C-alpha atoms as a PDB file:
ATOM      1  CA  MET A   1      96.788 -18.651  -0.805  1.00  0.00           C
ATOM      2  CA  ASN A   2      93.392 -19.013   1.919  1.00  0.00           C
ATOM      3  CA  SER A   3      94.756 -23.123   1.119  1.00  0.00           C
ATOM      4  CA  ILE A   4      97.771 -22.184   1.980  1.00  0.00           C
ATOM      5  CA  LYS A   5      96.754 -20.563   5.819  1.00  0.00           C
ATOM      6  CA  TYR A   6      93.711 -23.719   5.908  1.00  0.00           C
ATOM      7  CA  TYR A   7      96.319 -25.990   5.386  1.00  0.00           C
ATOM      8  CA  LEU A   8      98.936 -24.632   8.367  1.00  0.00           C
ATOM      9  CA  ASN A   9      96.092 -23.567  10.259  1.00  0.00           C
ATOM     10  CA  LYS A  10      94.918 -27.072  10.554  1.00  0.00           C
ATOM     11  CA  ALA A  11      98.721 -28.361  11.190  1.00  0.00           C
ATOM     12  CA  ALA A  12      99.132 -26.358  13.646  1.00  0.00           C
ATOM     13  CA  SER A  13      95.792 -27.263  15.192  1.00  0.00           C
ATOM     14  CA  MET A  14      97.371 -31.427  15.174  1.00  0.00           C
ATOM     15  CA  ALA A  15     100.357 -30.059  16.840  1.00  0.00           C
ATOM     16  CA  TYR A  16      98.708 -27.826  19.605  1.00  0.00           C
ATOM     17  CA  GLU A  17      96.773 -30.597  20.138  1.00  0.00           C
ATOM     18  CA  SER A  18      99.458 -33.234  20.000  1.00  0.00           C
ATOM     19  CA  ASP A  19     101.238 -35.134  23.307  1.00  0.00           C
ATOM     20  CA  ASP A  20     104.034 -33.290  24.083  1.00  0.00           C
ATOM     21  CA  ARG A  21     103.019 -30.766  25.319  1.00  0.00           C
ATOM     22  CA  LYS A  22     106.704 -29.022  26.043  1.00  0.00           C
ATOM     23  CA  HIS A  23     107.702 -27.043  23.564  1.00  0.00           C
ATOM     24  CA  PHE A  24     107.752 -29.369  21.017  1.00  0.00           C
ATOM     25  CA  ARG A  25     104.544 -28.887  19.382  1.00  0.00           C
ATOM     26  CA  LEU A  26     105.674 -29.542  15.654  1.00  0.00           C
ATOM     27  CA  ALA A  27     102.259 -31.690  13.316  1.00  0.00           C
ATOM     28  CA  ALA A  28     103.218 -31.364   9.301  1.00  0.00           C
ATOM     29  CA  VAL A  29     100.057 -31.796   6.932  1.00  0.00           C
ATOM     30  CA  GLY A  30     100.640 -33.443   3.616  1.00  0.00           C
ATOM     31  CA  ILE A  31      98.785 -33.480   0.458  1.00  0.00           C
ATOM     32  CA  ARG A  32     100.115 -35.780  -1.779  1.00  0.00           C
ATOM     33  CA  SER A  33      99.888 -35.918  -5.515  1.00  0.00           C
ATOM     34  CA  ASP A  34      96.931 -38.147  -6.075  1.00  0.00           C
ATOM     35  CA  GLY A  35      94.754 -35.687  -3.384  1.00  0.00           C
ATOM     36  CA  ALA A  36      94.905 -37.498  -0.576  1.00  0.00           C
ATOM     37  CA  THR A  37      95.407 -35.486   2.293  1.00  0.00           C
ATOM     38  CA  VAL A  38      98.264 -37.552   5.309  1.00  0.00           C
ATOM     39  CA  ALA A  39      99.498 -35.603   8.222  1.00  0.00           C
ATOM     40  CA  SER A  40     101.903 -36.577  11.248  1.00  0.00           C
ATOM     41  CA  THR A  41     103.073 -34.998  14.533  1.00  0.00           C
ATOM     42  CA  ASN A  42     106.512 -35.653  16.237  1.00  0.00           C
ATOM     43  CA  ILE A  43     106.960 -37.649  19.043  1.00  0.00           C
ATOM     44  CA  ARG A  44     108.435 -38.006  22.062  1.00  0.00           C
ATOM     45  CA  THR A  45     112.042 -39.203  22.574  1.00  0.00           C
ATOM     46  CA  VAL A  46     113.891 -40.112  25.112  1.00  0.00           C
ATOM     47  CA  ASP A  47     117.315 -39.100  22.812  1.00  0.00           C
ATOM     48  CA  ARG A  48     117.479 -37.009  19.853  1.00  0.00           C
ATOM     49  CA  CYS A  49     116.578 -38.259  16.751  1.00  0.00           C
ATOM     50  CA  ARG A  50     114.839 -37.139  13.579  1.00  0.00           C
ATOM     51  CA  ASN A  51     112.924 -40.658  13.193  1.00  0.00           C
ATOM     52  CA  ALA A  52     110.765 -38.676  15.261  1.00  0.00           C
ATOM     53  CA  HIS A  53     110.161 -35.269  13.983  1.00  0.00           C
ATOM     54  CA  ALA A  54     106.408 -34.518  12.281  1.00  0.00           C
ATOM     55  CA  GLU A  55     108.393 -33.754   8.653  1.00  0.00           C
ATOM     56  CA  THR A  56     110.452 -37.723   8.484  1.00  0.00           C
ATOM     57  CA  ARG A  57     107.082 -38.941   9.934  1.00  0.00           C
ATOM     58  CA  LEU A  58     105.027 -38.192   7.782  1.00  0.00           C
ATOM     59  CA  SER A  59     107.231 -38.517   4.166  1.00  0.00           C
ATOM     60  CA  LYS A  60     106.426 -42.860   4.896  1.00  0.00           C
ATOM     61  CA  LYS A  61     102.687 -41.714   3.377  1.00  0.00           C
ATOM     62  CA  LEU A  62     104.104 -39.108   0.423  1.00  0.00           C
ATOM     63  CA  ASP A  63     104.490 -39.187  -3.413  1.00  0.00           C
ATOM     64  CA  VAL A  64     106.487 -37.446  -6.072  1.00  0.00           C
ATOM     65  CA  GLY A  65     104.525 -33.863  -6.249  1.00  0.00           C
ATOM     66  CA  SER A  66     103.280 -34.338  -2.667  1.00  0.00           C
ATOM     67  CA  VAL A  67     102.943 -30.289  -1.245  1.00  0.00           C
ATOM     68  CA  VAL A  68     103.666 -29.491   2.951  1.00  0.00           C
ATOM     69  CA  TYR A  69     102.381 -28.048   5.215  1.00  0.00           C
ATOM     70  CA  VAL A  70     104.399 -27.687   8.533  1.00  0.00           C
ATOM     71  CA  ALA A  71     103.168 -25.749  11.563  1.00  0.00           C
ATOM     72  CA  ARG A  72     104.186 -24.814  15.393  1.00  0.00           C
ATOM     73  CA  SER A  73     101.612 -23.594  17.775  1.00  0.00           C
ATOM     74  CA  SER A  74     102.484 -21.830  20.924  1.00  0.00           C
ATOM     75  CA  LYS A  75     102.381 -22.630  24.597  1.00  0.00           C
ATOM     76  CA  ALA A  76      99.417 -19.654  23.738  1.00  0.00           C
ATOM     77  CA  GLY A  77      98.472 -22.030  20.537  1.00  0.00           C
ATOM     78  CA  GLU A  78     100.290 -19.031  17.889  1.00  0.00           C
ATOM     79  CA  TRP A  79     102.036 -20.291  15.396  1.00  0.00           C
ATOM     80  CA  SER A  80     105.955 -19.868  15.361  1.00  0.00           C
ATOM     81  CA  MET A  81     108.713 -21.204  13.605  1.00  0.00           C
ATOM     82  CA  ALA A  82     108.479 -24.988  12.157  1.00  0.00           C
ATOM     83  CA  ARG A  83     111.006 -24.026   9.127  1.00  0.00           C
ATOM     84  CA  PRO A  84     112.862 -27.831   8.628  1.00  0.00           C
ATOM     85  CA  CYS A  85     116.294 -29.128  10.037  1.00  0.00           C
ATOM     86  CA  GLU A  86     118.672 -30.367   7.250  1.00  0.00           C
ATOM     87  CA  SER A  87     117.934 -33.574   7.669  1.00  0.00           C
ATOM     88  CA  CYS A  88     114.077 -33.608   7.098  1.00  0.00           C
ATOM     89  CA  LYS A  89     114.945 -30.711   4.406  1.00  0.00           C
ATOM     90  CA  LYS A  90     116.385 -33.438   3.011  1.00  0.00           C
ATOM     91  CA  THR A  91     114.223 -36.538   3.421  1.00  0.00           C
ATOM     92  CA  LEU A  92     111.620 -35.094   1.588  1.00  0.00           C
ATOM     93  CA  ARG A  93     114.248 -34.297  -1.203  1.00  0.00           C
ATOM     94  CA  THR A  94     114.608 -37.814  -1.707  1.00  0.00           C
ATOM     95  CA  ARG A  95     110.861 -37.953  -1.261  1.00  0.00           C
ATOM     96  CA  GLY A  96     110.124 -35.675  -4.104  1.00  0.00           C
ATOM     97  CA  VAL A  97     108.035 -33.511  -2.236  1.00  0.00           C
ATOM     98  CA  LYS A  98     108.283 -30.181  -4.680  1.00  0.00           C
ATOM     99  CA  LYS A  99     107.480 -27.458  -1.941  1.00  0.00           C
ATOM    100  CA  VAL A 100     106.858 -27.333   1.823  1.00  0.00           C
ATOM    101  CA  TYR A 101     105.396 -24.745   3.200  1.00  0.00           C
ATOM    102  CA  TYR A 102     106.351 -23.405   7.243  1.00  0.00           C
ATOM    103  CA  THR A 103     105.263 -20.986   9.870  1.00  0.00           C
ATOM    104  CA  VAL A 104     107.316 -18.574  10.807  1.00  0.00           C
ATOM    105  CA  GLY A 105     105.606 -16.027  13.501  1.00  0.00           C
ATOM    106  CA  PRO A 106     102.420 -15.705  14.393  1.00  0.00           C
ATOM    107  CA  SER A 107     101.013 -14.018  10.608  1.00  0.00           C
ATOM    108  CA  GLU A 108     103.121 -15.018   9.204  1.00  0.00           C
ATOM    109  CA  PHE A 109     104.828 -18.431   6.815  1.00  0.00           C
ATOM    110  CA  GLY A 110     107.773 -19.062   4.705  1.00  0.00           C
ATOM    111  CA  CYS A 111     107.849 -21.151   1.252  1.00  0.00           C
ATOM    112  CA  MET A 112     110.474 -23.217   0.698  1.00  0.00           C
ATOM    113  CA  ILE A 113     111.099 -25.048  -3.101  1.00  0.00           C
ATOM    114  CA  LEU A 114     112.468 -28.553  -2.634  1.00  0.00           C
ATOM    115  CA  CYS A 115     111.847 -30.540  -6.536  1.00  0.00           C
ATOM    116  CA  ASP A 116     110.602 -28.901  -9.785  1.00  0.00           C
END
């Protein structure tokens, strides 16, 4: 469990320091099957676009068997809800991601199994 919190905290820290200082402070960290760590944050766009989501941007760096950690950081720097949207879940599933851990609240996280 400590490694889960470690990667969620890493994602939350990236989210907090991201360019978007509004309420979309979200980042994702992925551990590929070869052990490499990759990461991405949400980006600012003029219109709503799923390609701006951290999970979709991260998916391009992942391989089959990867594990993803998604965190949203509040303005106070605390964890808040970061459950991936349906579109991001579909993208991650298509890439063969096994599990996604995501922040729920200040000290809570959830997990979804995408592929066996």
